[in-house]
Amino acid sequence: MTATLTAIYDGKVFQLDSPINLEPNTRVRLTIETSELEQHETSSFLQTARSLCLNGPSDWSAHLDDYLYGEPVHVC
């Protein structure tokens, strides 16, 4: 069996990011390659929304139900 796994080394053992289908005490050969995959910048909801470049009416938030359901929703 050959598999590529990701893990974090805590100073004593490797903690796998996901389980692997191996019997306990199975001997394996490891090749270690450091990865910077975990170091990524997070973005806010507004940054994500702006990056979508959506076009539409300027009153979307005020009349969302009208656009979703096709009929004006009146609040008493």
C-alpha atoms as a PDB file:
ATOM      1  CA  MET A   1       0.000   0.000   0.000  1.00  0.00           C
ATOM      2  CA  THR A   2       1.255   3.498  -0.864  1.00  0.00           C
ATOM      3  CA  ALA A   3      -0.408   6.612   0.516  1.00  0.00           C
ATOM      4  CA  THR A   4       0.330  10.299   0.927  1.00  0.00           C
ATOM      5  CA  LEU A   5      -0.701  11.506   4.360  1.00  0.00           C
ATOM      6  CA  THR A   6      -0.600  14.824   6.140  1.00  0.00           C
ATOM      7  CA  ALA A   7       0.236  15.061   9.813  1.00  0.00           C
ATOM      8  CA  ILE A   8       1.471  17.390  12.516  1.00  0.00           C
ATOM      9  CA  TYR A   9       4.528  16.545  14.590  1.00  0.00           C
ATOM     10  CA  ASP A  10       3.970  17.566  18.224  1.00  0.00           C
ATOM     11  CA  GLY A  11       7.575  17.053  19.325  1.00  0.00           C
ATOM     12  CA  LYS A  12       7.114  13.373  20.166  1.00  0.00           C
ATOM     13  CA  VAL A  13       4.695  11.744  17.699  1.00  0.00           C
ATOM     14  CA  PHE A  14       3.010  12.435  14.382  1.00  0.00           C
ATOM     15  CA  GLN A  15      -0.716  13.188  14.616  1.00  0.00           C
ATOM     16  CA  LEU A  16      -2.406  12.248  11.330  1.00  0.00           C
ATOM     17  CA  ASP A  17      -4.955  14.677   9.880  1.00  0.00           C
ATOM     18  CA  SER A  18      -7.197  11.758   8.914  1.00  0.00           C
ATOM     19  CA  PRO A  19      -7.374   8.055   9.836  1.00  0.00           C
ATOM     20  CA  ILE A  20      -5.497   5.420   7.861  1.00  0.00           C
ATOM     21  CA  ASN A  21      -6.568   1.835   7.279  1.00  0.00           C
ATOM     22  CA  LEU A  22      -3.651  -0.072   8.835  1.00  0.00           C
ATOM     23  CA  GLU A  23      -3.568  -2.795  11.443  1.00  0.00           C
ATOM     24  CA  PRO A  24      -1.870  -1.883  14.733  1.00  0.00           C
ATOM     25  CA  ASN A  25       1.875  -2.651  14.826  1.00  0.00           C
ATOM     26  CA  THR A  26       2.174  -2.606  11.024  1.00  0.00           C
ATOM     27  CA  ARG A  27       5.721  -1.658  10.047  1.00  0.00           C
ATOM     28  CA  VAL A  28       5.901   1.235   7.564  1.00  0.00           C
ATOM     29  CA  ARG A  29       8.612   3.352   5.909  1.00  0.00           C
ATOM     30  CA  LEU A  30       8.202   7.125   6.272  1.00  0.00           C
ATOM     31  CA  THR A  31       9.626   9.860   4.103  1.00  0.00           C
ATOM     32  CA  ILE A  32       9.309  13.279   5.754  1.00  0.00           C
ATOM     33  CA  GLU A  33       8.660  16.437   3.734  1.00  0.00           C
ATOM     34  CA  THR A  34       7.679  19.622   5.517  1.00  0.00           C
ATOM     35  CA  SER A  35       4.598  21.389   4.233  1.00  0.00           C
ATOM     36  CA  GLU A  36       3.400  24.956   4.597  1.00  0.00           C
ATOM     37  CA  LEU A  37      -0.172  24.037   3.602  1.00  0.00           C
ATOM     38  CA  GLU A  38      -1.540  24.924   7.044  1.00  0.00           C
ATOM     39  CA  GLN A  39      -0.239  28.492   6.824  1.00  0.00           C
ATOM     40  CA  HIS A  40      -2.936  30.236   4.797  1.00  0.00           C
ATOM     41  CA  GLU A  41      -4.570  33.591   5.203  1.00  0.00           C
ATOM     42  CA  THR A  42      -8.218  33.612   6.094  1.00  0.00           C
ATOM     43  CA  SER A  43     -10.588  36.115   4.568  1.00  0.00           C
ATOM     44  CA  SER A  44     -13.650  37.744   5.969  1.00  0.00           C
ATOM     45  CA  PHE A  45     -17.147  37.236   4.622  1.00  0.00           C
ATOM     46  CA  LEU A  46     -17.052  40.709   3.055  1.00  0.00           C
ATOM     47  CA  GLN A  47     -13.736  40.006   1.307  1.00  0.00           C
ATOM     48  CA  THR A  48     -15.188  36.788  -0.093  1.00  0.00           C
ATOM     49  CA  ALA A  49     -18.459  38.462  -1.156  1.00  0.00           C
ATOM     50  CA  ARG A  50     -16.614  41.317  -2.887  1.00  0.00           C
ATOM     51  CA  SER A  51     -14.346  38.869  -4.717  1.00  0.00           C
ATOM     52  CA  LEU A  52     -17.383  37.204  -6.345  1.00  0.00           C
ATOM     53  CA  CYS A  53     -18.073  40.337  -8.445  1.00  0.00           C
ATOM     54  CA  LEU A  54     -21.841  39.770  -8.383  1.00  0.00           C
ATOM     55  CA  ASN A  55     -24.066  42.113 -10.345  1.00  0.00           C
ATOM     56  CA  GLY A  56     -27.648  42.798  -9.396  1.00  0.00           C
ATOM     57  CA  PRO A  57     -30.126  45.363  -8.142  1.00  0.00           C
ATOM     58  CA  SER A  58     -28.916  47.765  -5.474  1.00  0.00           C
ATOM     59  CA  ASP A  59     -31.882  46.894  -3.222  1.00  0.00           C
ATOM     60  CA  TRP A  60     -31.167  43.161  -2.856  1.00  0.00           C
ATOM     61  CA  SER A  61     -30.954  43.255   0.931  1.00  0.00           C
ATOM     62  CA  ALA A  62     -34.110  45.359   1.324  1.00  0.00           C
ATOM     63  CA  HIS A  63     -36.220  43.207  -1.027  1.00  0.00           C
ATOM     64  CA  LEU A  64     -34.579  39.780  -0.830  1.00  0.00           C
ATOM     65  CA  ASP A  65     -37.874  37.896  -0.432  1.00  0.00           C
ATOM     66  CA  ASP A  66     -39.296  39.664  -3.493  1.00  0.00           C
ATOM     67  CA  TYR A  67     -36.366  38.431  -5.594  1.00  0.00           C
ATOM     68  CA  LEU A  68     -36.352  34.928  -4.097  1.00  0.00           C
ATOM     69  CA  TYR A  69     -40.084  34.225  -4.183  1.00  0.00           C
ATOM     70  CA  GLY A  70     -41.320  36.590  -6.888  1.00  0.00           C
ATOM     71  CA  GLU A  71     -43.990  38.292  -4.805  1.00  0.00           C
ATOM     72  CA  PRO A  72     -43.670  41.264  -2.497  1.00  0.00           C
ATOM     73  CA  VAL A  73     -43.668  40.294   1.158  1.00  0.00           C
ATOM     74  CA  HIS A  74     -45.371  42.905   3.304  1.00  0.00           C
ATOM     75  CA  VAL A  75     -44.499  43.255   6.978  1.00  0.00           C
ATOM     76  CA  CYS A  76     -47.230  44.665   9.245  1.00  0.00           C
END
